[in-house]
Amino acid sequence: PELLVRLDEPAPGIAHLFALPMGGMTYLPIRLYLFGDQAAQAAASAEPTWQSWMNDRFPVGAPPECGD
């Protein structure tokens, strides 16, 4: 399963999200592509907000143990 979303902000682009089962866990890769002359500047400006959002919801740490 995957989801493709058209973005208007922080610049025109797309977000691609998909489920990836691996080793008894499911990962959710998120790819963001921004387009246009202001894409690099918009990405640099938005990156700290996205990093904070991701870290709050998905803190880096050891993965949970699988019940094998």
C-alpha atoms as a PDB file:
ATOM      1  CA  PRO A   1       0.000   0.000   0.000  1.00  0.00           C
ATOM      2  CA  GLU A   2       1.149   3.490  -0.794  1.00  0.00           C
ATOM      3  CA  LEU A   3      -0.080   7.069  -0.817  1.00  0.00           C
ATOM      4  CA  LEU A   4       0.935   9.864  -3.172  1.00  0.00           C
ATOM      5  CA  VAL A   5      -0.010  13.391  -2.077  1.00  0.00           C
ATOM      6  CA  ARG A   6       0.320  16.601  -4.097  1.00  0.00           C
ATOM      7  CA  LEU A   7       1.847  19.424  -2.041  1.00  0.00           C
ATOM      8  CA  ASP A   8       1.277  23.154  -2.344  1.00  0.00           C
ATOM      9  CA  GLU A   9       3.440  24.087   0.635  1.00  0.00           C
ATOM     10  CA  PRO A  10       6.189  24.705   1.531  1.00  0.00           C
ATOM     11  CA  ALA A  11       6.647  24.565  -2.260  1.00  0.00           C
ATOM     12  CA  PRO A  12       4.958  22.646  -5.082  1.00  0.00           C
ATOM     13  CA  GLY A  13       5.823  18.975  -4.842  1.00  0.00           C
ATOM     14  CA  ILE A  14       4.726  15.487  -3.875  1.00  0.00           C
ATOM     15  CA  ALA A  15       4.905  13.287  -0.781  1.00  0.00           C
ATOM     16  CA  HIS A  16       5.188   9.524  -1.259  1.00  0.00           C
ATOM     17  CA  LEU A  17       4.420   7.285   1.726  1.00  0.00           C
ATOM     18  CA  PHE A  18       4.396   3.496   1.679  1.00  0.00           C
ATOM     19  CA  ALA A  19       4.331   0.559   4.086  1.00  0.00           C
ATOM     20  CA  LEU A  20       7.400  -1.679   4.044  1.00  0.00           C
ATOM     21  CA  PRO A  21       7.230  -4.905   6.087  1.00  0.00           C
ATOM     22  CA  MET A  22      10.694  -6.075   7.127  1.00  0.00           C
ATOM     23  CA  GLY A  23      11.930  -8.410   9.847  1.00  0.00           C
ATOM     24  CA  GLY A  24       8.622  -8.653  11.681  1.00  0.00           C
ATOM     25  CA  MET A  25       8.173  -4.878  11.753  1.00  0.00           C
ATOM     26  CA  THR A  26       6.555  -2.433   9.375  1.00  0.00           C
ATOM     27  CA  TYR A  27       8.431   0.703   8.332  1.00  0.00           C
ATOM     28  CA  LEU A  28       6.810   3.784   6.822  1.00  0.00           C
ATOM     29  CA  PRO A  29       9.233   5.447   4.420  1.00  0.00           C
ATOM     30  CA  ILE A  30       8.296   9.021   3.578  1.00  0.00           C
ATOM     31  CA  ARG A  31       9.738  10.696   0.498  1.00  0.00           C
ATOM     32  CA  LEU A  32       9.242  14.403  -0.136  1.00  0.00           C
ATOM     33  CA  TYR A  33      10.007  15.961  -3.492  1.00  0.00           C
ATOM     34  CA  LEU A  34       9.763  19.739  -3.928  1.00  0.00           C
ATOM     35  CA  PHE A  35       9.887  21.417  -7.321  1.00  0.00           C
ATOM     36  CA  GLY A  36      10.549  24.878  -8.701  1.00  0.00           C
ATOM     37  CA  ASP A  37      13.076  27.648  -8.241  1.00  0.00           C
ATOM     38  CA  GLN A  38      12.370  27.982  -4.508  1.00  0.00           C
ATOM     39  CA  ALA A  39      12.394  24.235  -3.715  1.00  0.00           C
ATOM     40  CA  ALA A  40      15.842  24.117  -2.075  1.00  0.00           C
ATOM     41  CA  GLN A  41      15.142  27.194   0.042  1.00  0.00           C
ATOM     42  CA  ALA A  42      11.701  25.868   1.068  1.00  0.00           C
ATOM     43  CA  ALA A  43      13.180  22.483   2.011  1.00  0.00           C
ATOM     44  CA  ALA A  44      15.930  24.064   4.106  1.00  0.00           C
ATOM     45  CA  SER A  45      13.403  26.293   5.858  1.00  0.00           C
ATOM     46  CA  ALA A  46      10.937  23.453   6.593  1.00  0.00           C
ATOM     47  CA  GLU A  47      13.509  20.802   7.594  1.00  0.00           C
ATOM     48  CA  PRO A  48      13.847  21.779  11.298  1.00  0.00           C
ATOM     49  CA  THR A  49      10.050  21.662  11.726  1.00  0.00           C
ATOM     50  CA  TRP A  50       9.802  18.231  10.073  1.00  0.00           C
ATOM     51  CA  GLN A  51      12.754  16.880  12.073  1.00  0.00           C
ATOM     52  CA  SER A  52      11.155  18.033  15.318  1.00  0.00           C
ATOM     53  CA  TRP A  53       7.770  16.558  14.347  1.00  0.00           C
ATOM     54  CA  MET A  54       9.313  13.212  13.428  1.00  0.00           C
ATOM     55  CA  ASN A  55      11.523  13.067  16.542  1.00  0.00           C
ATOM     56  CA  ASP A  56       8.554  13.817  18.814  1.00  0.00           C
ATOM     57  CA  ARG A  57       6.479  11.010  17.309  1.00  0.00           C
ATOM     58  CA  PHE A  58       9.172   8.498  16.386  1.00  0.00           C
ATOM     59  CA  PRO A  59      12.133   8.896  18.754  1.00  0.00           C
ATOM     60  CA  VAL A  60      15.340   7.216  17.722  1.00  0.00           C
ATOM     61  CA  GLY A  61      16.090   4.168  19.810  1.00  0.00           C
ATOM     62  CA  ALA A  62      16.314   0.432  19.798  1.00  0.00           C
ATOM     63  CA  PRO A  63      13.513  -1.262  17.861  1.00  0.00           C
ATOM     64  CA  PRO A  64      11.038  -3.252  19.939  1.00  0.00           C
ATOM     65  CA  GLU A  65      11.820  -6.938  20.327  1.00  0.00           C
ATOM     66  CA  CYS A  66       9.973  -9.278  17.988  1.00  0.00           C
ATOM     67  CA  GLY A  67       7.974 -12.045  19.618  1.00  0.00           C
ATOM     68  CA  ASP A  68       9.500 -14.884  17.593  1.00  0.00           C
END
